[in-house]
Amino acid sequence: MNGRYETIDCQRLLCPMPVIRVQDRVEQLHAGDLLTAICTDPGALQDIPAWCRINGHEVVETETRDGEYLITVRVGTG
């Protein structure tokens, strides 16, 4: 895989903060990089993918485990 892989801690944050944190971090990454957001707000499962669709990024994986929601985004050229 080319590019970086990073995680961002969005635990205990409520809407819209997980999306804002992801947006701020994606601005520092390059196309093709992967970013996994670790969230505890179930709304992030809809909010982050919606933000990705609007901004040209791709959700490559979502996972629910032990009350956490992991959302992995591939940074697009958007």
PDB file of N, CA and C in Angstrom:
ATOM      1  N   MET A   1       0.840  -1.181   0.000  1.00  0.00           N
ATOM      2  CA  MET A   1       0.000   0.000   0.000  1.00  0.00           C
ATOM      3  C   MET A   1       0.887   1.247   0.000  1.00  0.00           C
ATOM      4  N   ASN A   2       0.562   2.186  -0.835  1.00  0.00           N
ATOM      5  CA  ASN A   2       1.257   3.466  -0.846  1.00  0.00           C
ATOM      6  C   ASN A   2       0.538   4.419   0.089  1.00  0.00           C
ATOM      7  N   GLY A   3       1.268   5.395   0.598  1.00  0.00           N
ATOM      8  CA  GLY A   3       0.639   6.386   1.450  1.00  0.00           C
ATOM      9  C   GLY A   3       0.743   6.029   2.917  1.00  0.00           C
ATOM     10  N   ARG A   4       0.237   6.922   3.716  1.00  0.00           N
ATOM     11  CA  ARG A   4       0.285   6.753   5.164  1.00  0.00           C
ATOM     12  C   ARG A   4      -0.994   6.127   5.682  1.00  0.00           C
ATOM     13  N   TYR A   5      -0.891   5.580   6.888  1.00  0.00           N
ATOM     14  CA  TYR A   5      -2.060   5.086   7.603  1.00  0.00           C
ATOM     15  C   TYR A   5      -2.018   5.694   8.994  1.00  0.00           C
ATOM     16  N   GLU A   6      -3.079   6.381   9.366  1.00  0.00           N
ATOM     17  CA  GLU A   6      -3.134   7.036  10.667  1.00  0.00           C
ATOM     18  C   GLU A   6      -4.465   6.747  11.339  1.00  0.00           C
ATOM     19  N   THR A   7      -4.480   6.920  12.647  1.00  0.00           N
ATOM     20  CA  THR A   7      -5.729   6.842  13.393  1.00  0.00           C
ATOM     21  C   THR A   7      -5.945   8.171  14.116  1.00  0.00           C
ATOM     22  N   ILE A   8      -7.209   8.448  14.385  1.00  0.00           N
ATOM     23  CA  ILE A   8      -7.559   9.655  15.124  1.00  0.00           C
ATOM     24  C   ILE A   8      -8.581   9.273  16.191  1.00  0.00           C
ATOM     25  N   ASP A   9      -8.385   9.781  17.390  1.00  0.00           N
ATOM     26  CA  ASP A   9      -9.235   9.465  18.528  1.00  0.00           C
ATOM     27  C   ASP A   9     -10.404  10.442  18.571  1.00  0.00           C
ATOM     28  N   CYS A  10     -11.595   9.929  18.311  1.00  0.00           N
ATOM     29  CA  CYS A  10     -12.811  10.740  18.382  1.00  0.00           C
ATOM     30  C   CYS A  10     -13.746  10.198  19.470  1.00  0.00           C
ATOM     31  N   GLN A  11     -13.194   9.455  20.406  1.00  0.00           N
ATOM     32  CA  GLN A  11     -14.000   8.872  21.466  1.00  0.00           C
ATOM     33  C   GLN A  11     -14.566   9.959  22.376  1.00  0.00           C
ATOM     34  N   ARG A  12     -15.762   9.729  22.850  1.00  0.00           N
ATOM     35  CA  ARG A  12     -16.477  10.630  23.769  1.00  0.00           C
ATOM     36  C   ARG A  12     -16.821  11.972  23.142  1.00  0.00           C
ATOM     37  N   LEU A  13     -16.720  12.076  21.813  1.00  0.00           N
ATOM     38  CA  LEU A  13     -17.113  13.296  21.113  1.00  0.00           C
ATOM     39  C   LEU A  13     -18.464  13.074  20.449  1.00  0.00           C
ATOM     40  N   LEU A  14     -19.329  14.067  20.532  1.00  0.00           N
ATOM     41  CA  LEU A  14     -20.645  13.980  19.916  1.00  0.00           C
ATOM     42  C   LEU A  14     -20.681  14.824  18.649  1.00  0.00           C
ATOM     43  N   CYS A  15     -21.637  14.498  17.794  1.00  0.00           N
ATOM     44  CA  CYS A  15     -21.847  15.209  16.542  1.00  0.00           C
ATOM     45  C   CYS A  15     -21.886  16.713  16.812  1.00  0.00           C
ATOM     46  N   PRO A  16     -21.193  17.488  16.036  1.00  0.00           N
ATOM     47  CA  PRO A  16     -20.485  17.159  14.793  1.00  0.00           C
ATOM     48  C   PRO A  16     -18.981  16.971  14.972  1.00  0.00           C
ATOM     49  N   MET A  17     -18.504  16.854  16.193  1.00  0.00           N
ATOM     50  CA  MET A  17     -17.054  16.856  16.431  1.00  0.00           C
ATOM     51  C   MET A  17     -16.284  15.730  15.736  1.00  0.00           C
ATOM     52  N   PRO A  18     -16.788  14.480  15.679  1.00  0.00           N
ATOM     53  CA  PRO A  18     -16.008  13.462  14.943  1.00  0.00           C
ATOM     54  C   PRO A  18     -15.761  13.858  13.483  1.00  0.00           C
ATOM     55  N   VAL A  19     -16.784  14.404  12.830  1.00  0.00           N
ATOM     56  CA  VAL A  19     -16.618  14.819  11.426  1.00  0.00           C
ATOM     57  C   VAL A  19     -15.615  15.971  11.330  1.00  0.00           C
ATOM     58  N   ILE A  20     -15.685  16.898  12.240  1.00  0.00           N
ATOM     59  CA  ILE A  20     -14.760  18.038  12.220  1.00  0.00           C
ATOM     60  C   ILE A  20     -13.323  17.565  12.435  1.00  0.00           C
ATOM     61  N   ARG A  21     -13.131  16.652  13.366  1.00  0.00           N
ATOM     62  CA  ARG A  21     -11.775  16.117  13.598  1.00  0.00           C
ATOM     63  C   ARG A  21     -11.253  15.402  12.355  1.00  0.00           C
ATOM     64  N   VAL A  22     -12.107  14.571  11.723  1.00  0.00           N
ATOM     65  CA  VAL A  22     -11.702  13.864  10.505  1.00  0.00           C
ATOM     66  C   VAL A  22     -11.377  14.877   9.409  1.00  0.00           C
ATOM     67  N   GLN A  23     -12.231  15.866   9.239  1.00  0.00           N
ATOM     68  CA  GLN A  23     -12.006  16.884   8.209  1.00  0.00           C
ATOM     69  C   GLN A  23     -10.681  17.600   8.423  1.00  0.00           C
ATOM     70  N   ASP A  24     -10.408  17.997   9.654  1.00  0.00           N
ATOM     71  CA  ASP A  24      -9.163  18.709   9.947  1.00  0.00           C
ATOM     72  C   ASP A  24      -7.941  17.838   9.669  1.00  0.00           C
ATOM     73  N   ARG A  25      -8.034  16.551  10.008  1.00  0.00           N
ATOM     74  CA  ARG A  25      -6.881  15.655   9.793  1.00  0.00           C
ATOM     75  C   ARG A  25      -6.692  15.350   8.313  1.00  0.00           C
ATOM     76  N   VAL A  26      -7.793  15.131   7.589  1.00  0.00           N
ATOM     77  CA  VAL A  26      -7.708  14.821   6.153  1.00  0.00           C
ATOM     78  C   VAL A  26      -7.020  15.962   5.409  1.00  0.00           C
ATOM     79  N   GLU A  27      -7.226  17.194   5.843  1.00  0.00           N
ATOM     80  CA  GLU A  27      -6.593  18.349   5.189  1.00  0.00           C
ATOM     81  C   GLU A  27      -5.073  18.278   5.263  1.00  0.00           C
ATOM     82  N   GLN A  28      -4.534  17.517   6.224  1.00  0.00           N
ATOM     83  CA  GLN A  28      -3.089  17.391   6.394  1.00  0.00           C
ATOM     84  C   GLN A  28      -2.522  16.158   5.684  1.00  0.00           C
ATOM     85  N   LEU A  29      -3.398  15.346   5.090  1.00  0.00           N
ATOM     86  CA  LEU A  29      -2.975  14.107   4.444  1.00  0.00           C
ATOM     87  C   LEU A  29      -2.980  14.275   2.928  1.00  0.00           C
ATOM     88  N   HIS A  30      -2.526  13.238   2.241  1.00  0.00           N
ATOM     89  CA  HIS A  30      -2.437  13.247   0.785  1.00  0.00           C
ATOM     90  C   HIS A  30      -3.393  12.216   0.197  1.00  0.00           C
ATOM     91  N   ALA A  31      -3.753  12.398  -1.056  1.00  0.00           N
ATOM     92  CA  ALA A  31      -4.618  11.446  -1.750  1.00  0.00           C
ATOM     93  C   ALA A  31      -4.035  10.035  -1.620  1.00  0.00           C
ATOM     94  N   GLY A  32      -4.895   9.086  -1.268  1.00  0.00           N
ATOM     95  CA  GLY A  32      -4.477   7.698  -1.103  1.00  0.00           C
ATOM     96  C   GLY A  32      -4.161   7.323   0.331  1.00  0.00           C
ATOM     97  N   ASP A  33      -3.911   8.298   1.197  1.00  0.00           N
ATOM     98  CA  ASP A  33      -3.651   8.006   2.608  1.00  0.00           C
ATOM     99  C   ASP A  33      -4.922   7.464   3.258  1.00  0.00           C
ATOM    100  N   LEU A  34      -4.748   6.670   4.303  1.00  0.00           N
ATOM    101  CA  LEU A  34      -5.872   6.112   5.049  1.00  0.00           C
ATOM    102  C   LEU A  34      -5.908   6.718   6.444  1.00  0.00           C
ATOM    103  N   LEU A  35      -7.121   6.989   6.903  1.00  0.00           N
ATOM    104  CA  LEU A  35      -7.329   7.530   8.239  1.00  0.00           C
ATOM    105  C   LEU A  35      -8.467   6.754   8.888  1.00  0.00           C
ATOM    106  N   THR A  36      -8.199   6.178  10.061  1.00  0.00           N
ATOM    107  CA  THR A  36      -9.243   5.494  10.820  1.00  0.00           C
ATOM    108  C   THR A  36      -9.648   6.360  11.998  1.00  0.00           C
ATOM    109  N   ALA A  37     -10.934   6.677  12.059  1.00  0.00           N
ATOM    110  CA  ALA A  37     -11.495   7.428  13.175  1.00  0.00           C
ATOM    111  C   ALA A  37     -12.091   6.433  14.162  1.00  0.00           C
ATOM    112  N   ILE A  38     -11.690   6.540  15.422  1.00  0.00           N
ATOM    113  CA  ILE A  38     -12.230   5.685  16.480  1.00  0.00           C
ATOM    114  C   ILE A  38     -13.250   6.526  17.237  1.00  0.00           C
ATOM    115  N   CYS A  39     -14.523   6.170  17.086  1.00  0.00           N
ATOM    116  CA  CYS A  39     -15.615   6.973  17.616  1.00  0.00           C
ATOM    117  C   CYS A  39     -16.441   6.168  18.617  1.00  0.00           C
ATOM    118  N   THR A  40     -17.135   6.880  19.498  1.00  0.00           N
ATOM    119  CA  THR A  40     -18.106   6.235  20.386  1.00  0.00           C
ATOM    120  C   THR A  40     -19.520   6.724  20.099  1.00  0.00           C
ATOM    121  N   ASP A  41     -19.670   7.741  19.277  1.00  0.00           N
ATOM    122  CA  ASP A  41     -20.977   8.254  18.875  1.00  0.00           C
ATOM    123  C   ASP A  41     -21.469   7.453  17.674  1.00  0.00           C
ATOM    124  N   PRO A  42     -22.563   6.688  17.825  1.00  0.00           N
ATOM    125  CA  PRO A  42     -23.040   5.881  16.691  1.00  0.00           C
ATOM    126  C   PRO A  42     -23.433   6.724  15.486  1.00  0.00           C
ATOM    127  N   GLY A  43     -23.749   7.989  15.690  1.00  0.00           N
ATOM    128  CA  GLY A  43     -24.085   8.865  14.573  1.00  0.00           C
ATOM    129  C   GLY A  43     -22.942   9.037  13.597  1.00  0.00           C
ATOM    130  N   ALA A  44     -21.716   8.807  14.058  1.00  0.00           N
ATOM    131  CA  ALA A  44     -20.554   8.939  13.177  1.00  0.00           C
ATOM    132  C   ALA A  44     -20.622   7.944  12.022  1.00  0.00           C
ATOM    133  N   LEU A  45     -21.319   6.822  12.214  1.00  0.00           N
ATOM    134  CA  LEU A  45     -21.439   5.821  11.145  1.00  0.00           C
ATOM    135  C   LEU A  45     -22.208   6.361   9.941  1.00  0.00           C
ATOM    136  N   GLN A  46     -23.048   7.362  10.151  1.00  0.00           N
ATOM    137  CA  GLN A  46     -23.741   8.017   9.035  1.00  0.00           C
ATOM    138  C   GLN A  46     -23.064   9.336   8.665  1.00  0.00           C
ATOM    139  N   ASP A  47     -22.606  10.070   9.672  1.00  0.00           N
ATOM    140  CA  ASP A  47     -22.080  11.412   9.433  1.00  0.00           C
ATOM    141  C   ASP A  47     -20.777  11.414   8.643  1.00  0.00           C
ATOM    142  N   ILE A  48     -19.842  10.560   9.007  1.00  0.00           N
ATOM    143  CA  ILE A  48     -18.544  10.552   8.322  1.00  0.00           C
ATOM    144  C   ILE A  48     -18.683  10.067   6.874  1.00  0.00           C
ATOM    145  N   PRO A  49     -19.426   8.969   6.616  1.00  0.00           N
ATOM    146  CA  PRO A  49     -19.617   8.590   5.201  1.00  0.00           C
ATOM    147  C   PRO A  49     -20.316   9.672   4.375  1.00  0.00           C
ATOM    148  N   ALA A  50     -21.287  10.375   4.962  1.00  0.00           N
ATOM    149  CA  ALA A  50     -21.963  11.457   4.229  1.00  0.00           C
ATOM    150  C   ALA A  50     -20.967  12.561   3.895  1.00  0.00           C
ATOM    151  N   TRP A  51     -20.130  12.917   4.847  1.00  0.00           N
ATOM    152  CA  TRP A  51     -19.111  13.933   4.606  1.00  0.00           C
ATOM    153  C   TRP A  51     -18.148  13.469   3.503  1.00  0.00           C
ATOM    154  N   CYS A  52     -17.777  12.194   3.530  1.00  0.00           N
ATOM    155  CA  CYS A  52     -16.875  11.644   2.505  1.00  0.00           C
ATOM    156  C   CYS A  52     -17.489  11.753   1.112  1.00  0.00           C
ATOM    157  N   ARG A  53     -18.762  11.399   0.986  1.00  0.00           N
ATOM    158  CA  ARG A  53     -19.425  11.466  -0.331  1.00  0.00           C
ATOM    159  C   ARG A  53     -19.414  12.896  -0.866  1.00  0.00           C
ATOM    160  N   ILE A  54     -19.683  13.857  -0.007  1.00  0.00           N
ATOM    161  CA  ILE A  54     -19.742  15.252  -0.423  1.00  0.00           C
ATOM    162  C   ILE A  54     -18.360  15.767  -0.826  1.00  0.00           C
ATOM    163  N   ASN A  55     -17.320  15.272  -0.181  1.00  0.00           N
ATOM    164  CA  ASN A  55     -15.978  15.834  -0.346  1.00  0.00           C
ATOM    165  C   ASN A  55     -15.010  14.975  -1.155  1.00  0.00           C
ATOM    166  N   GLY A  56     -15.503  13.885  -1.750  1.00  0.00           N
ATOM    167  CA  GLY A  56     -14.670  13.107  -2.660  1.00  0.00           C
ATOM    168  C   GLY A  56     -13.723  12.121  -2.005  1.00  0.00           C
ATOM    169  N   HIS A  57     -14.059  11.678  -0.797  1.00  0.00           N
ATOM    170  CA  HIS A  57     -13.255  10.672  -0.114  1.00  0.00           C
ATOM    171  C   HIS A  57     -14.043   9.362  -0.086  1.00  0.00           C
ATOM    172  N   GLU A  58     -13.385   8.275   0.288  1.00  0.00           N
ATOM    173  CA  GLU A  58     -14.007   6.955   0.236  1.00  0.00           C
ATOM    174  C   GLU A  58     -13.921   6.272   1.599  1.00  0.00           C
ATOM    175  N   VAL A  59     -15.058   5.774   2.074  1.00  0.00           N
ATOM    176  CA  VAL A  59     -15.048   4.938   3.275  1.00  0.00           C
ATOM    177  C   VAL A  59     -14.694   3.529   2.817  1.00  0.00           C
ATOM    178  N   VAL A  60     -13.578   3.006   3.296  1.00  0.00           N
ATOM    179  CA  VAL A  60     -13.141   1.684   2.860  1.00  0.00           C
ATOM    180  C   VAL A  60     -13.549   0.595   3.847  1.00  0.00           C
ATOM    181  N   GLU A  61     -13.851   0.983   5.092  1.00  0.00           N
ATOM    182  CA  GLU A  61     -14.246  -0.028   6.068  1.00  0.00           C
ATOM    183  C   GLU A  61     -14.914   0.639   7.261  1.00  0.00           C
ATOM    184  N   THR A  62     -15.936  -0.022   7.789  1.00  0.00           N
ATOM    185  CA  THR A  62     -16.494   0.367   9.084  1.00  0.00           C
ATOM    186  C   THR A  62     -16.539  -0.889   9.943  1.00  0.00           C
ATOM    187  N   GLU A  63     -16.297  -0.706  11.209  1.00  0.00           N
ATOM    188  CA  GLU A  63     -16.283  -1.836  12.144  1.00  0.00           C
ATOM    189  C   GLU A  63     -16.854  -1.359  13.471  1.00  0.00           C
ATOM    190  N   THR A  64     -17.672  -2.218  14.067  1.00  0.00           N
ATOM    191  CA  THR A  64     -18.207  -1.947  15.399  1.00  0.00           C
ATOM    192  C   THR A  64     -17.616  -2.975  16.341  1.00  0.00           C
ATOM    193  N   ARG A  65     -17.007  -2.468  17.446  1.00  0.00           N
ATOM    194  CA  ARG A  65     -16.422  -3.423  18.376  1.00  0.00           C
ATOM    195  C   ARG A  65     -16.393  -2.803  19.768  1.00  0.00           C
ATOM    196  N   ASP A  66     -16.990  -3.502  20.699  1.00  0.00           N
ATOM    197  CA  ASP A  66     -16.967  -3.104  22.112  1.00  0.00           C
ATOM    198  C   ASP A  66     -17.375  -1.651  22.328  1.00  0.00           C
ATOM    199  N   GLY A  67     -18.474  -1.232  21.698  1.00  0.00           N
ATOM    200  CA  GLY A  67     -18.971   0.120  21.894  1.00  0.00           C
ATOM    201  C   GLY A  67     -18.202   1.195  21.151  1.00  0.00           C
ATOM    202  N   GLU A  68     -17.281   0.776  20.293  1.00  0.00           N
ATOM    203  CA  GLU A  68     -16.537   1.725  19.475  1.00  0.00           C
ATOM    204  C   GLU A  68     -16.883   1.510  18.007  1.00  0.00           C
ATOM    205  N   TYR A  69     -16.815   2.575  17.256  1.00  0.00           N
ATOM    206  CA  TYR A  69     -17.095   2.537  15.827  1.00  0.00           C
ATOM    207  C   TYR A  69     -15.837   3.005  15.110  1.00  0.00           C
ATOM    208  N   LEU A  70     -15.265   2.116  14.306  1.00  0.00           N
ATOM    209  CA  LEU A  70     -14.053   2.433  13.569  1.00  0.00           C
ATOM    210  C   LEU A  70     -14.419   2.669  12.117  1.00  0.00           C
ATOM    211  N   ILE A  71     -14.091   3.835  11.621  1.00  0.00           N
ATOM    212  CA  ILE A  71     -14.427   4.223  10.255  1.00  0.00           C
ATOM    213  C   ILE A  71     -13.127   4.589   9.556  1.00  0.00           C
ATOM    214  N   THR A  72     -12.797   3.816   8.512  1.00  0.00           N
ATOM    215  CA  THR A  72     -11.552   4.033   7.777  1.00  0.00           C
ATOM    216  C   THR A  72     -11.860   4.722   6.460  1.00  0.00           C
ATOM    217  N   VAL A  73     -11.184   5.826   6.239  1.00  0.00           N
ATOM    218  CA  VAL A  73     -11.398   6.691   5.080  1.00  0.00           C
ATOM    219  C   VAL A  73     -10.143   6.713   4.224  1.00  0.00           C
ATOM    220  N   ARG A  74     -10.316   6.562   2.916  1.00  0.00           N
ATOM    221  CA  ARG A  74      -9.204   6.786   1.978  1.00  0.00           C
ATOM    222  C   ARG A  74      -9.359   8.206   1.448  1.00  0.00           C
ATOM    223  N   VAL A  75      -8.314   8.985   1.624  1.00  0.00           N
ATOM    224  CA  VAL A  75      -8.333  10.388   1.204  1.00  0.00           C
ATOM    225  C   VAL A  75      -8.383  10.445  -0.318  1.00  0.00           C
ATOM    226  N   GLY A  76      -9.321  11.218  -0.826  1.00  0.00           N
ATOM    227  CA  GLY A  76      -9.451  11.397  -2.260  1.00  0.00           C
ATOM    228  C   GLY A  76      -8.722  12.634  -2.720  1.00  0.00           C
ATOM    229  N   THR A  77      -8.899  12.959  -3.979  1.00  0.00           N
ATOM    230  CA  THR A  77      -8.252  14.142  -4.537  1.00  0.00           C
ATOM    231  C   THR A  77      -9.075  15.387  -4.322  1.00  0.00           C
ATOM    232  N   GLY A  78     -10.337  15.197  -3.812  1.00  0.00           N
ATOM    233  CA  GLY A  78     -11.279  16.287  -3.607  1.00  0.00           C
ATOM    234  C   GLY A  78     -10.691  17.414  -2.888  1.00  0.00           C
TER     235      GLY A  78
END
